N, C-alpha and C. Protein backbone atom coordinates (compact mmCIF):
# COMPACT_ATOMS: atom_id res chain seq x y z
N MET A 1 -32.72 7.29 -18.55
CA MET A 1 -32.67 6.27 -17.81
C MET A 1 -32.80 5.21 -18.38
N PHE A 2 -32.28 4.11 -18.39
CA PHE A 2 -32.27 2.81 -19.28
C PHE A 2 -32.70 1.49 -18.47
N ASP A 3 -33.15 0.36 -19.05
CA ASP A 3 -33.33 -0.50 -18.58
C ASP A 3 -32.50 -1.95 -18.62
N LEU A 4 -32.10 -2.55 -17.89
CA LEU A 4 -31.31 -3.63 -17.60
C LEU A 4 -32.21 -4.56 -17.68
N ASN A 5 -31.60 -6.06 -18.56
CA ASN A 5 -32.23 -7.12 -18.66
C ASN A 5 -31.41 -8.08 -17.44
N ASN A 6 -32.37 -9.19 -16.72
CA ASN A 6 -31.91 -9.79 -15.88
C ASN A 6 -30.47 -10.66 -16.04
N PRO A 7 -30.11 -10.74 -17.11
CA PRO A 7 -28.45 -11.39 -17.16
C PRO A 7 -27.78 -10.27 -16.83
N GLN A 8 -27.90 -8.91 -17.42
CA GLN A 8 -27.17 -7.71 -17.15
C GLN A 8 -27.24 -7.52 -15.51
N LYS A 9 -28.11 -7.83 -14.99
CA LYS A 9 -28.58 -7.10 -13.54
C LYS A 9 -27.78 -8.09 -12.78
N ARG A 10 -27.98 -9.55 -12.92
CA ARG A 10 -26.94 -10.37 -12.22
C ARG A 10 -25.56 -10.19 -12.47
N HIS A 11 -25.31 -9.95 -13.50
CA HIS A 11 -23.60 -9.57 -13.92
C HIS A 11 -23.39 -8.32 -12.77
N LEU A 12 -24.10 -7.37 -12.69
CA LEU A 12 -23.94 -6.17 -12.07
C LEU A 12 -24.08 -6.67 -10.48
N LYS A 13 -25.08 -7.26 -10.09
CA LYS A 13 -25.13 -7.79 -8.80
C LYS A 13 -23.76 -8.41 -7.95
N ALA A 14 -23.41 -9.25 -9.03
CA ALA A 14 -22.26 -10.01 -8.73
C ALA A 14 -20.88 -8.98 -8.33
N LEU A 15 -20.69 -8.08 -9.41
CA LEU A 15 -19.76 -7.07 -9.40
C LEU A 15 -19.88 -6.18 -8.45
N ALA A 16 -21.17 -5.68 -7.68
CA ALA A 16 -21.46 -5.05 -6.58
C ALA A 16 -21.54 -5.45 -5.39
N HIS A 17 -21.57 -6.88 -5.05
CA HIS A 17 -21.31 -7.46 -3.98
C HIS A 17 -20.25 -7.05 -2.66
N PRO A 18 -19.12 -7.07 -3.36
CA PRO A 18 -17.89 -6.68 -2.30
C PRO A 18 -17.99 -5.23 -2.16
N ARG A 19 -18.43 -4.33 -2.87
CA ARG A 19 -18.22 -3.02 -2.58
C ARG A 19 -19.14 -2.47 -1.68
N LYS A 20 -18.69 -1.39 -1.02
CA LYS A 20 -19.10 -0.82 -0.08
C LYS A 20 -19.74 0.42 -0.34
N PRO A 21 -20.66 0.98 -0.04
CA PRO A 21 -21.70 2.27 -0.19
C PRO A 21 -20.43 3.51 -0.06
N VAL A 22 -20.87 4.43 -1.31
CA VAL A 22 -19.85 5.20 -1.60
C VAL A 22 -20.48 6.84 -1.01
N VAL A 23 -21.97 6.76 -0.98
CA VAL A 23 -22.48 7.88 -0.75
C VAL A 23 -23.52 7.62 0.27
N ILE A 24 -23.71 8.35 1.45
CA ILE A 24 -24.71 8.24 2.23
C ILE A 24 -25.58 9.24 2.36
N VAL A 25 -26.90 9.01 2.22
CA VAL A 25 -27.95 10.13 2.15
C VAL A 25 -28.66 10.23 3.48
N GLY A 26 -28.42 11.43 4.22
CA GLY A 26 -28.68 11.37 5.41
C GLY A 26 -30.02 11.96 5.65
N ASP A 27 -29.90 12.81 7.15
CA ASP A 27 -31.29 13.31 7.32
C ASP A 27 -31.75 14.29 6.65
N HIS A 28 -30.87 15.08 6.05
CA HIS A 28 -31.42 16.12 4.94
C HIS A 28 -32.02 15.61 3.73
N GLY A 29 -31.74 14.34 3.39
CA GLY A 29 -32.42 13.94 2.03
C GLY A 29 -31.58 14.18 1.01
N VAL A 30 -32.10 14.20 -0.38
CA VAL A 30 -31.12 14.25 -1.35
C VAL A 30 -31.04 15.72 -1.74
N THR A 31 -29.84 16.38 -1.28
CA THR A 31 -29.49 17.59 -1.38
C THR A 31 -28.78 17.75 -2.71
N PRO A 32 -28.37 19.05 -3.62
CA PRO A 32 -27.55 19.49 -4.87
C PRO A 32 -26.19 18.54 -4.60
N THR A 33 -25.58 18.65 -3.01
CA THR A 33 -24.44 18.33 -3.10
C THR A 33 -24.23 16.75 -3.14
N VAL A 34 -25.10 16.16 -2.12
CA VAL A 34 -25.07 14.58 -2.41
C VAL A 34 -25.45 14.04 -3.87
N LEU A 35 -26.08 14.84 -4.62
CA LEU A 35 -26.68 14.70 -6.04
C LEU A 35 -25.10 14.60 -6.81
N HIS A 36 -24.52 15.83 -6.53
CA HIS A 36 -23.29 15.96 -7.28
C HIS A 36 -22.41 14.79 -6.92
N GLU A 37 -22.12 14.41 -5.51
CA GLU A 37 -21.52 13.30 -5.30
C GLU A 37 -21.71 11.98 -5.65
N ILE A 38 -22.97 11.98 -6.16
CA ILE A 38 -23.53 10.59 -6.51
C ILE A 38 -22.97 10.56 -8.27
N VAL A 39 -23.42 11.90 -9.00
CA VAL A 39 -22.95 11.96 -10.16
C VAL A 39 -21.67 11.90 -10.44
N GLN A 40 -20.60 12.26 -9.93
CA GLN A 40 -19.19 12.21 -9.77
C GLN A 40 -18.86 10.65 -9.61
N ALA A 41 -19.51 9.63 -8.74
CA ALA A 41 -19.12 8.59 -8.17
C ALA A 41 -19.71 7.53 -9.69
N LEU A 42 -20.70 7.97 -10.16
CA LEU A 42 -21.16 7.23 -11.35
C LEU A 42 -20.35 7.50 -12.55
N ASP A 43 -19.99 8.53 -12.65
CA ASP A 43 -18.94 9.19 -13.85
C ASP A 43 -17.84 8.39 -13.57
N HIS A 44 -17.29 8.08 -12.42
CA HIS A 44 -15.72 7.40 -12.10
C HIS A 44 -15.89 6.06 -12.44
N HIS A 45 -17.07 5.25 -11.36
CA HIS A 45 -17.07 3.86 -11.46
C HIS A 45 -18.00 2.92 -12.05
N GLU A 46 -19.09 3.87 -12.62
CA GLU A 46 -20.64 3.30 -13.25
C GLU A 46 -21.29 2.54 -12.27
N LEU A 47 -20.83 1.80 -11.47
CA LEU A 47 -21.67 1.05 -10.69
C LEU A 47 -21.19 1.36 -9.12
N ILE A 48 -22.12 2.08 -8.19
CA ILE A 48 -21.99 2.27 -7.04
C ILE A 48 -23.12 1.91 -6.12
N LYS A 49 -23.01 1.53 -4.92
CA LYS A 49 -23.69 1.60 -3.82
C LYS A 49 -24.21 2.95 -3.05
N VAL A 50 -25.41 3.11 -2.57
CA VAL A 50 -25.77 4.32 -2.21
C VAL A 50 -26.72 4.19 -0.55
N ARG A 51 -26.22 4.48 0.41
CA ARG A 51 -26.59 4.13 1.72
C ARG A 51 -28.17 5.31 1.95
N VAL A 52 -29.31 4.88 1.83
CA VAL A 52 -30.45 5.95 2.15
C VAL A 52 -30.96 5.88 3.51
N ASN A 53 -31.03 6.82 4.41
CA ASN A 53 -31.40 6.90 5.71
C ASN A 53 -32.59 7.71 5.66
N ALA A 54 -33.88 6.77 5.87
CA ALA A 54 -34.83 7.23 5.76
C ALA A 54 -35.54 6.11 6.70
N ALA A 55 -36.82 6.95 7.29
CA ALA A 55 -37.60 6.23 8.40
C ALA A 55 -38.24 5.26 7.98
N ASP A 56 -38.82 5.07 6.88
CA ASP A 56 -39.56 3.99 6.51
C ASP A 56 -39.40 3.51 4.71
N ARG A 57 -39.69 2.10 4.42
CA ARG A 57 -39.82 1.94 3.09
C ARG A 57 -40.13 2.93 2.10
N GLU A 58 -41.41 3.52 2.29
CA GLU A 58 -41.92 4.33 1.32
C GLU A 58 -41.40 5.70 1.00
N ALA A 59 -40.63 5.97 1.86
CA ALA A 59 -39.67 7.27 1.85
C ALA A 59 -38.29 6.68 1.09
N ARG A 60 -37.69 5.47 1.46
CA ARG A 60 -36.32 5.35 1.03
C ARG A 60 -36.72 4.96 -0.56
N ASP A 61 -37.76 4.44 -0.71
CA ASP A 61 -38.40 3.81 -2.31
C ASP A 61 -38.31 5.51 -2.94
N LEU A 62 -38.83 6.30 -2.49
CA LEU A 62 -39.22 7.87 -2.86
C LEU A 62 -37.87 8.34 -3.32
N LEU A 63 -36.79 8.34 -2.13
CA LEU A 63 -35.50 8.77 -2.54
C LEU A 63 -34.64 8.27 -3.34
N ILE A 64 -34.76 7.13 -3.72
CA ILE A 64 -34.30 6.35 -4.47
C ILE A 64 -34.76 6.57 -5.88
N ALA A 65 -35.95 6.65 -6.01
CA ALA A 65 -36.52 7.05 -7.18
C ALA A 65 -36.07 8.33 -7.83
N GLU A 66 -36.15 9.09 -6.76
CA GLU A 66 -35.45 10.52 -7.15
C GLU A 66 -34.32 10.45 -7.61
N ILE A 67 -33.19 9.74 -6.85
CA ILE A 67 -31.98 9.98 -7.17
C ILE A 67 -31.74 9.49 -8.57
N CYS A 68 -32.33 8.22 -8.93
CA CYS A 68 -32.42 7.60 -10.32
C CYS A 68 -33.02 8.41 -11.46
N ALA A 69 -34.04 9.08 -11.33
CA ALA A 69 -34.37 10.22 -12.16
C ALA A 69 -33.87 11.01 -12.33
N THR A 70 -33.02 11.85 -11.29
CA THR A 70 -32.24 13.09 -11.11
C THR A 70 -30.84 12.33 -12.03
N THR A 71 -30.22 11.38 -11.79
CA THR A 71 -28.76 11.11 -12.20
C THR A 71 -28.79 10.05 -13.47
N SER A 72 -30.00 9.86 -13.98
CA SER A 72 -30.36 9.10 -15.10
C SER A 72 -29.60 7.52 -15.27
N ALA A 73 -29.51 7.11 -13.83
CA ALA A 73 -29.21 5.64 -13.59
C ALA A 73 -30.03 5.06 -13.25
N ALA A 74 -29.84 3.46 -13.48
CA ALA A 74 -30.35 2.61 -13.36
C ALA A 74 -30.30 1.73 -11.92
N LEU A 75 -31.42 1.41 -11.39
CA LEU A 75 -31.60 0.73 -10.27
C LEU A 75 -31.38 -0.65 -10.43
N VAL A 76 -30.18 -1.22 -9.89
CA VAL A 76 -29.92 -2.81 -10.10
C VAL A 76 -30.61 -3.54 -8.90
N GLN A 77 -30.53 -3.18 -7.68
CA GLN A 77 -30.97 -3.62 -6.48
C GLN A 77 -31.33 -2.76 -5.39
N ARG A 78 -32.15 -3.12 -4.73
CA ARG A 78 -32.27 -2.19 -3.28
C ARG A 78 -32.47 -3.43 -2.13
N ILE A 79 -31.62 -3.32 -1.05
CA ILE A 79 -31.67 -4.05 -0.21
C ILE A 79 -31.52 -3.58 1.45
N GLY A 80 -32.81 -3.55 1.86
CA GLY A 80 -32.71 -2.66 2.95
C GLY A 80 -32.46 -1.01 2.57
N HIS A 81 -31.51 -0.50 3.50
CA HIS A 81 -31.14 1.02 3.04
C HIS A 81 -30.12 0.93 1.84
N ILE A 82 -29.71 0.30 1.44
CA ILE A 82 -28.52 0.31 0.43
C ILE A 82 -28.82 -0.21 -1.20
N ALA A 83 -28.97 0.77 -2.06
CA ALA A 83 -29.15 0.96 -3.21
C ALA A 83 -27.93 0.75 -4.14
N THR A 84 -28.28 -0.06 -4.99
CA THR A 84 -27.09 -0.25 -5.86
C THR A 84 -27.51 0.21 -7.61
N LEU A 85 -26.67 1.24 -7.80
CA LEU A 85 -27.22 2.11 -8.93
C LEU A 85 -26.05 1.87 -10.10
N PHE A 86 -26.55 2.04 -11.46
CA PHE A 86 -25.47 1.83 -12.44
C PHE A 86 -26.11 2.70 -13.61
N ARG A 87 -24.91 3.51 -14.18
CA ARG A 87 -25.12 4.49 -15.24
C ARG A 87 -23.57 4.15 -16.13
N ARG A 88 -24.01 3.93 -17.34
CA ARG A 88 -22.89 3.85 -18.33
C ARG A 88 -22.20 5.09 -18.45
N ASN A 89 -20.94 5.08 -18.30
CA ASN A 89 -19.98 6.45 -18.63
C ASN A 89 -19.56 6.13 -20.30
N HIS A 90 -20.20 6.82 -21.22
CA HIS A 90 -20.19 6.49 -22.61
C HIS A 90 -18.74 7.15 -23.14
N GLU A 91 -18.20 7.80 -22.19
CA GLU A 91 -16.78 8.32 -22.94
C GLU A 91 -15.68 7.18 -22.74
N ALA A 92 -15.77 6.46 -21.20
CA ALA A 92 -14.82 5.58 -20.91
C ALA A 92 -15.66 4.57 -20.12
N PRO A 93 -16.16 3.73 -21.00
CA PRO A 93 -16.93 2.45 -20.36
C PRO A 93 -15.77 1.66 -19.43
N ARG A 94 -16.25 1.50 -18.34
CA ARG A 94 -15.22 0.86 -17.42
C ARG A 94 -16.12 -0.76 -17.03
N ILE A 95 -17.20 -0.98 -17.27
CA ILE A 95 -18.04 -2.39 -17.10
C ILE A 95 -18.75 -2.76 -18.43
N ALA A 96 -18.14 -4.30 -18.78
CA ALA A 96 -18.85 -4.74 -20.07
C ALA A 96 -20.06 -5.26 -19.54
N LEU A 97 -21.31 -5.35 -20.30
CA LEU A 97 -22.58 -5.81 -19.86
C LEU A 97 -22.76 -6.89 -20.90
N PRO A 98 -23.03 -8.00 -20.34
CA PRO A 98 -23.38 -9.28 -21.45
C PRO A 98 -24.58 -8.88 -22.30
């Protein structure tokens, strides 16, 4: 996992704004199948939104932290149930960071 500086986060937030969540974490939590889908989406898109349906804020934060740690993705922002994640694809980068 890596850290993004503020100009990079602003740039990624602007790119992510019109996007819809590509993965939804449901009642069963972060299962291996859900993690596999997130990894595939990050490999293909680099920047994705994930909807985390959890009962409270602490549970959402724990699930998002688990996803970031497992997938080596950086959390760009979290607004409510939606987390925006970024992970650089070193073989074929799609997004240029400032």
